[in-house]
C-alpha atoms as a PDB file:
ATOM      1  CA  LEU A   1     -19.858 -28.645  21.252  1.00  0.00           C
ATOM      2  CA  VAL A   2     -21.097 -26.505  18.367  1.00  0.00           C
ATOM      3  CA  ARG A   3     -19.096 -23.527  17.186  1.00  0.00           C
ATOM      4  CA  ALA A   4     -20.682 -20.675  15.349  1.00  0.00           C
ATOM      5  CA  GLN A   5     -19.043 -20.155  12.018  1.00  0.00           C
ATOM      6  CA  THR A   6     -18.367 -16.571  11.090  1.00  0.00           C
ATOM      7  CA  THR A   7     -17.558 -15.262   7.679  1.00  0.00           C
ATOM      8  CA  PRO A   8     -15.545 -12.101   7.224  1.00  0.00           C
ATOM      9  CA  ASP A   9     -17.396  -9.049   6.038  1.00  0.00           C
ATOM     10  CA  PRO A  10     -16.973  -8.616   2.302  1.00  0.00           C
ATOM     11  CA  VAL A  11     -14.607  -5.863   1.254  1.00  0.00           C
ATOM     12  CA  VAL A  12     -16.525  -3.043  -0.395  1.00  0.00           C
ATOM     13  CA  ILE A  13     -14.574  -1.467  -3.235  1.00  0.00           C
ATOM     14  CA  PRO A  14     -15.509   2.214  -3.671  1.00  0.00           C
ATOM     15  CA  THR A  15     -16.773   3.167  -7.125  1.00  0.00           C
ATOM     16  CA  ASN A  16     -13.939   5.694  -7.570  1.00  0.00           C
ATOM     17  CA  ALA A  17     -11.225   3.055  -7.017  1.00  0.00           C
ATOM     18  CA  VAL A  18      -8.762   2.240  -9.803  1.00  0.00           C
ATOM     19  CA  HIS A  19      -7.714  -1.408 -10.146  1.00  0.00           C
ATOM     20  CA  PHE A  20      -3.984  -2.151 -10.295  1.00  0.00           C
ATOM     21  CA  ALA A  21      -2.559  -5.495 -11.375  1.00  0.00           C
ATOM     22  CA  VAL A  22       1.056  -6.313 -10.547  1.00  0.00           C
ATOM     23  CA  GLY A  23       3.178  -4.349 -13.021  1.00  0.00           C
ATOM     24  CA  HIS A  24       0.502  -1.679 -13.672  1.00  0.00           C
ATOM     25  CA  THR A  25       1.746   1.926 -13.517  1.00  0.00           C
ATOM     26  CA  GLU A  26      -0.526   4.951 -13.504  1.00  0.00           C
ATOM     27  CA  THR A  27      -0.833   8.491 -12.188  1.00  0.00           C
ATOM     28  CA  LEU A  28      -4.191   9.405 -10.688  1.00  0.00           C
ATOM     29  CA  THR A  29      -4.918  13.142 -11.021  1.00  0.00           C
ATOM     30  CA  LEU A  30      -7.645  15.156  -9.319  1.00  0.00           C
ATOM     31  CA  ALA A  31      -9.305  18.278 -10.780  1.00  0.00           C
ATOM     32  CA  ASP A  32      -7.037  20.648  -8.794  1.00  0.00           C
ATOM     33  CA  GLY A  33      -3.846  18.970 -10.058  1.00  0.00           C
ATOM     34  CA  ALA A  34      -3.095  16.792  -7.009  1.00  0.00           C
ATOM     35  CA  LYS A  35      -1.493  13.543  -8.176  1.00  0.00           C
ATOM     36  CA  LEU A  36      -0.892  10.075  -6.796  1.00  0.00           C
ATOM     37  CA  GLY A  37       1.627   8.027  -8.735  1.00  0.00           C
ATOM     38  CA  VAL A  38       1.525   4.260  -8.411  1.00  0.00           C
ATOM     39  CA  PHE A  39       4.697   2.752  -9.841  1.00  0.00           C
ATOM     40  CA  GLN A  40       5.265  -0.566 -11.560  1.00  0.00           C
ATOM     41  CA  ASN A  41       5.340  -3.469  -9.073  1.00  0.00           C
ATOM     42  CA  ALA A  42       4.224  -1.167  -6.250  1.00  0.00           C
ATOM     43  CA  PHE A  43       2.091  -3.920  -4.743  1.00  0.00           C
ATOM     44  CA  ALA A  44       2.906  -7.590  -4.244  1.00  0.00           C
ATOM     45  CA  SER A  45      -0.638  -8.512  -5.313  1.00  0.00           C
ATOM     46  CA  GLU A  46      -3.539  -6.859  -7.096  1.00  0.00           C
ATOM     47  CA  ALA A  47      -4.957  -3.743  -5.432  1.00  0.00           C
ATOM     48  CA  ASP A  48      -7.683  -1.171  -5.799  1.00  0.00           C
ATOM     49  CA  VAL A  49      -6.539   2.380  -5.131  1.00  0.00           C
ATOM     50  CA  VAL A  50      -8.656   5.356  -4.094  1.00  0.00           C
ATOM     51  CA  TRP A  51      -7.318   8.938  -4.461  1.00  0.00           C
ATOM     52  CA  GLU A  52      -9.676  11.741  -3.439  1.00  0.00           C
ATOM     53  CA  THR A  53     -10.038  15.072  -1.695  1.00  0.00           C
ATOM     54  CA  ALA A  54     -10.556  14.348   1.995  1.00  0.00           C
ATOM     55  CA  VAL A  55     -13.874  15.371   3.542  1.00  0.00           C
ATOM     56  CA  ALA A  56     -13.802  13.625   6.928  1.00  0.00           C
ATOM     57  CA  PRO A  57     -13.222  15.696  10.074  1.00  0.00           C
ATOM     58  CA  PHE A  58      -9.530  16.413  10.390  1.00  0.00           C
ATOM     59  CA  PRO A  59      -7.410  16.147  13.533  1.00  0.00           C
ATOM     60  CA  THR A  60      -5.479  19.096  14.865  1.00  0.00           C
ATOM     61  CA  ILE A  61      -2.401  19.790  12.755  1.00  0.00           C
ATOM     62  CA  PRO A  62       1.031  19.848  14.416  1.00  0.00           C
ATOM     63  CA  SER A  63       1.816  22.924  16.485  1.00  0.00           C
ATOM     64  CA  GLY A  64       3.573  25.741  14.652  1.00  0.00           C
ATOM     65  CA  TYR A  65       2.267  24.806  11.191  1.00  0.00           C
ATOM     66  CA  LEU A  66      -0.514  26.179   8.997  1.00  0.00           C
ATOM     67  CA  GLN A  67      -2.394  24.199   6.359  1.00  0.00           C
ATOM     68  CA  THR A  68      -2.205  25.403   2.792  1.00  0.00           C
ATOM     69  CA  GLY A  69      -4.483  23.930   0.150  1.00  0.00           C
ATOM     70  CA  SER A  70      -6.717  20.896   0.406  1.00  0.00           C
ATOM     71  CA  ARG A  71      -6.311  17.596   2.236  1.00  0.00           C
ATOM     72  CA  TYR A  72      -6.156  14.383   0.242  1.00  0.00           C
ATOM     73  CA  HIS A  73      -6.926  10.780   1.146  1.00  0.00           C
ATOM     74  CA  PHE A  74      -5.425   7.691  -0.441  1.00  0.00           C
ATOM     75  CA  LEU A  75      -6.226   4.054   0.204  1.00  0.00           C
ATOM     76  CA  ALA A  76      -4.921   0.823  -1.313  1.00  0.00           C
ATOM     77  CA  ILE A  77      -7.414  -2.024  -0.849  1.00  0.00           C
ATOM     78  CA  GLY A  78      -6.258  -5.604  -1.220  1.00  0.00           C
ATOM     79  CA  PRO A  79      -2.478  -5.683  -0.869  1.00  0.00           C
ATOM     80  CA  THR A  80      -0.826  -7.013   2.253  1.00  0.00           C
ATOM     81  CA  THR A  81       2.707  -5.917   1.387  1.00  0.00           C
ATOM     82  CA  PHE A  82       4.439  -3.565  -1.005  1.00  0.00           C
ATOM     83  CA  GLY A  83       6.027  -5.143  -4.049  1.00  0.00           C
ATOM     84  CA  THR A  84       9.502  -4.669  -5.466  1.00  0.00           C
ATOM     85  CA  ALA A  85       9.281  -0.987  -6.446  1.00  0.00           C
ATOM     86  CA  SER A  86      11.869   1.119  -4.594  1.00  0.00           C
ATOM     87  CA  ARG A  87       9.386   3.999  -4.549  1.00  0.00           C
ATOM     88  CA  PRO A  88       5.914   2.435  -4.742  1.00  0.00           C
ATOM     89  CA  LEU A  89       3.808   5.583  -4.264  1.00  0.00           C
ATOM     90  CA  ALA A  90       4.392   9.275  -4.840  1.00  0.00           C
ATOM     91  CA  VAL A  91       2.163  12.265  -4.173  1.00  0.00           C
ATOM     92  CA  ALA A  92       2.476  15.642  -5.890  1.00  0.00           C
ATOM     93  CA  LEU A  93       0.331  18.342  -4.317  1.00  0.00           C
ATOM     94  CA  PRO A  94      -0.326  21.850  -5.626  1.00  0.00           C
ATOM     95  CA  VAL A  95       1.244  24.709  -3.677  1.00  0.00           C
ATOM     96  CA  GLY A  96       0.774  28.432  -3.962  1.00  0.00           C
ATOM     97  CA  ASN A  97       3.462  31.083  -4.062  1.00  0.00           C
ATOM     98  CA  SER A  98       5.096  31.292  -0.688  1.00  0.00           C
ATOM     99  CA  LEU A  99       8.501  31.822   0.860  1.00  0.00           C
ATOM    100  CA  TRP A 100       7.581  29.819   3.960  1.00  0.00           C
ATOM    101  CA  ASP A 101       9.093  26.384   4.471  1.00  0.00           C
ATOM    102  CA  ARG A 102       6.551  23.897   3.085  1.00  0.00           C
ATOM    103  CA  SER A 103       6.418  20.141   3.468  1.00  0.00           C
ATOM    104  CA  ILE A 104       3.969  17.276   3.031  1.00  0.00           C
ATOM    105  CA  TRP A 105       2.653  15.735   6.224  1.00  0.00           C
ATOM    106  CA  LEU A 106       0.975  12.345   6.451  1.00  0.00           C
ATOM    107  CA  TYR A 107      -1.755  11.571   8.964  1.00  0.00           C
ATOM    108  CA  THR A 108      -2.151   7.845   9.545  1.00  0.00           C
ATOM    109  CA  THR A 109      -5.634   7.157  10.875  1.00  0.00           C
ATOM    110  CA  ALA A 110      -4.782   3.679  12.203  1.00  0.00           C
ATOM    111  CA  THR A 111      -2.199   5.105  14.617  1.00  0.00           C
ATOM    112  CA  ALA A 112      -3.595   8.666  14.849  1.00  0.00           C
ATOM    113  CA  THR A 113      -0.127  10.102  14.219  1.00  0.00           C
ATOM    114  CA  TRP A 114       1.417  12.791  12.040  1.00  0.00           C
ATOM    115  CA  THR A 115       4.617  12.164  10.084  1.00  0.00           C
ATOM    116  CA  LYS A 116       6.571  14.787   8.178  1.00  0.00           C
ATOM    117  CA  LEU A 117       7.543  13.276   4.827  1.00  0.00           C
ATOM    118  CA  SER A 118      10.754  14.119   3.059  1.00  0.00           C
ATOM    119  CA  SER A 119       9.422  16.473   0.375  1.00  0.00           C
ATOM    120  CA  SER A 120      10.694  18.794  -2.317  1.00  0.00           C
ATOM    121  CA  VAL A 121       9.112  21.579  -4.355  1.00  0.00           C
ATOM    122  CA  ASN A 122       9.556  21.156  -8.119  1.00  0.00           C
ATOM    123  CA  ALA A 123      11.578  23.663 -10.156  1.00  0.00           C
ATOM    124  CA  ALA A 124       8.466  25.494 -11.361  1.00  0.00           C
ATOM    125  CA  GLY A 125       7.358  25.945  -7.747  1.00  0.00           C
ATOM    126  CA  VAL A 126       3.839  24.612  -8.366  1.00  0.00           C
ATOM    127  CA  LEU A 127       4.004  21.054  -6.946  1.00  0.00           C
ATOM    128  CA  ILE A 128       5.527  19.526  -3.839  1.00  0.00           C
ATOM    129  CA  ASN A 129       6.477  15.839  -3.970  1.00  0.00           C
ATOM    130  CA  ALA A 130       6.837  13.050  -1.396  1.00  0.00           C
ATOM    131  CA  SER A 131       6.728   9.254  -1.236  1.00  0.00           C
ATOM    132  CA  PRO A 132       4.469   7.753   1.447  1.00  0.00           C
ATOM    133  CA  LYS A 133       5.309   4.217   2.539  1.00  0.00           C
ATOM    134  CA  VAL A 134       1.879   3.174   3.834  1.00  0.00           C
ATOM    135  CA  PHE A 135      -1.323   1.815   2.264  1.00  0.00           C
ATOM    136  CA  GLU A 136      -3.665   4.448   3.704  1.00  0.00           C
ATOM    137  CA  GLY A 137      -3.432   7.997   4.962  1.00  0.00           C
ATOM    138  CA  GLU A 138      -4.226  11.645   4.473  1.00  0.00           C
ATOM    139  CA  VAL A 139      -1.685  14.063   3.093  1.00  0.00           C
ATOM    140  CA  VAL A 140      -1.602  17.836   3.334  1.00  0.00           C
ATOM    141  CA  VAL A 141       0.891  20.623   2.681  1.00  0.00           C
ATOM    142  CA  LEU A 142       1.814  22.459   5.869  1.00  0.00           C
ATOM    143  CA  GLU A 143       3.803  25.684   6.143  1.00  0.00           C
ATOM    144  CA  ASN A 144       6.237  26.458   8.925  1.00  0.00           C
ATOM    145  CA  HIS A 145       5.863  30.206   9.515  1.00  0.00           C
ATOM    146  CA  ALA A 146       9.016  30.272  11.616  1.00  0.00           C
ATOM    147  CA  LEU A 147      11.253  29.498   8.626  1.00  0.00           C
ATOM    148  CA  GLU A 148      11.469  31.282   5.276  1.00  0.00           C
ATOM    149  CA  VAL A 149      13.041  29.630   2.250  1.00  0.00           C
ATOM    150  CA  GLY A 150      14.837  31.526  -0.489  1.00  0.00           C
ATOM    151  CA  ILE A 151      17.456  31.214  -3.164  1.00  0.00           C
ATOM    152  CA  GLY A 152      20.954  32.442  -2.494  1.00  0.00           C
ATOM    153  CA  SER A 153      24.099  32.559  -4.545  1.00  0.00           C
ATOM    154  CA  TRP A 154      27.693  33.499  -3.897  1.00  0.00           C
ATOM    155  CA  TYR A 155      30.002  34.997  -6.448  1.00  0.00           C
ATOM    156  CA  CYS A 156      33.197  36.954  -6.878  1.00  0.00           C
ATOM    157  CA  LYS A 157      33.350  39.168  -9.928  1.00  0.00           C
ATOM    158  CA  ASN A 158      36.609  40.906 -10.837  1.00  0.00           C
ATOM    159  CA  HIS A 159      38.029  42.139  -7.510  1.00  0.00           C
ATOM    160  CA  CYS A 160      36.244  41.161  -4.347  1.00  0.00           C
ATOM    161  CA  SER A 161      35.890  43.659  -1.522  1.00  0.00           C
ATOM    162  CA  ALA A 162      38.437  43.983   1.293  1.00  0.00           C
ATOM    163  CA  ARG A 163      35.816  42.880   3.800  1.00  0.00           C
ATOM    164  CA  TYR A 164      34.825  39.826   1.740  1.00  0.00           C
ATOM    165  CA  PRO A 165      37.930  39.063  -0.323  1.00  0.00           C
ATOM    166  CA  LYS A 166      36.593  35.903  -1.907  1.00  0.00           C
ATOM    167  CA  TYR A 167      32.784  35.946  -2.110  1.00  0.00           C
ATOM    168  CA  HIS A 168      29.752  38.174  -2.499  1.00  0.00           C
ATOM    169  CA  GLY A 169      26.209  37.078  -1.828  1.00  0.00           C
ATOM    170  CA  THR A 170      22.871  37.841  -3.420  1.00  0.00           C
END
């Protein structure tokens, strides 16, 4: 009995990949300001990381949401598990001025599924941040046009009104 021996296809590292050794920390920034942060000890072994504007055909976005800005693709080549970092990866995507509820969504190509990431807009209102927990995916900012977001405050100055004896709102 003779068995054919097969060798695995060699892994091709894209030319735009950045090499990360264990303990290496760096923020990869694209021309439009989109950032991918790779934190110290993010990977259990060495990895090559690609961060780029996505150009592949895109699946239908979740119902009720509208895309704002570009789509971005990230890929970590080489690691099999995340390392000891509590937050191994972070994305910060540019957002325009809007009062609509905005969040970062992750499309995982391996499972063909969308996941809404826990995200927050920074104080200046120019970047939205999230922490993906996968080695590959596409991220995009989506707006929910059924929900507006604003800033509110409650106060009571001097004597409050009879109708609202304790608080006023702005």
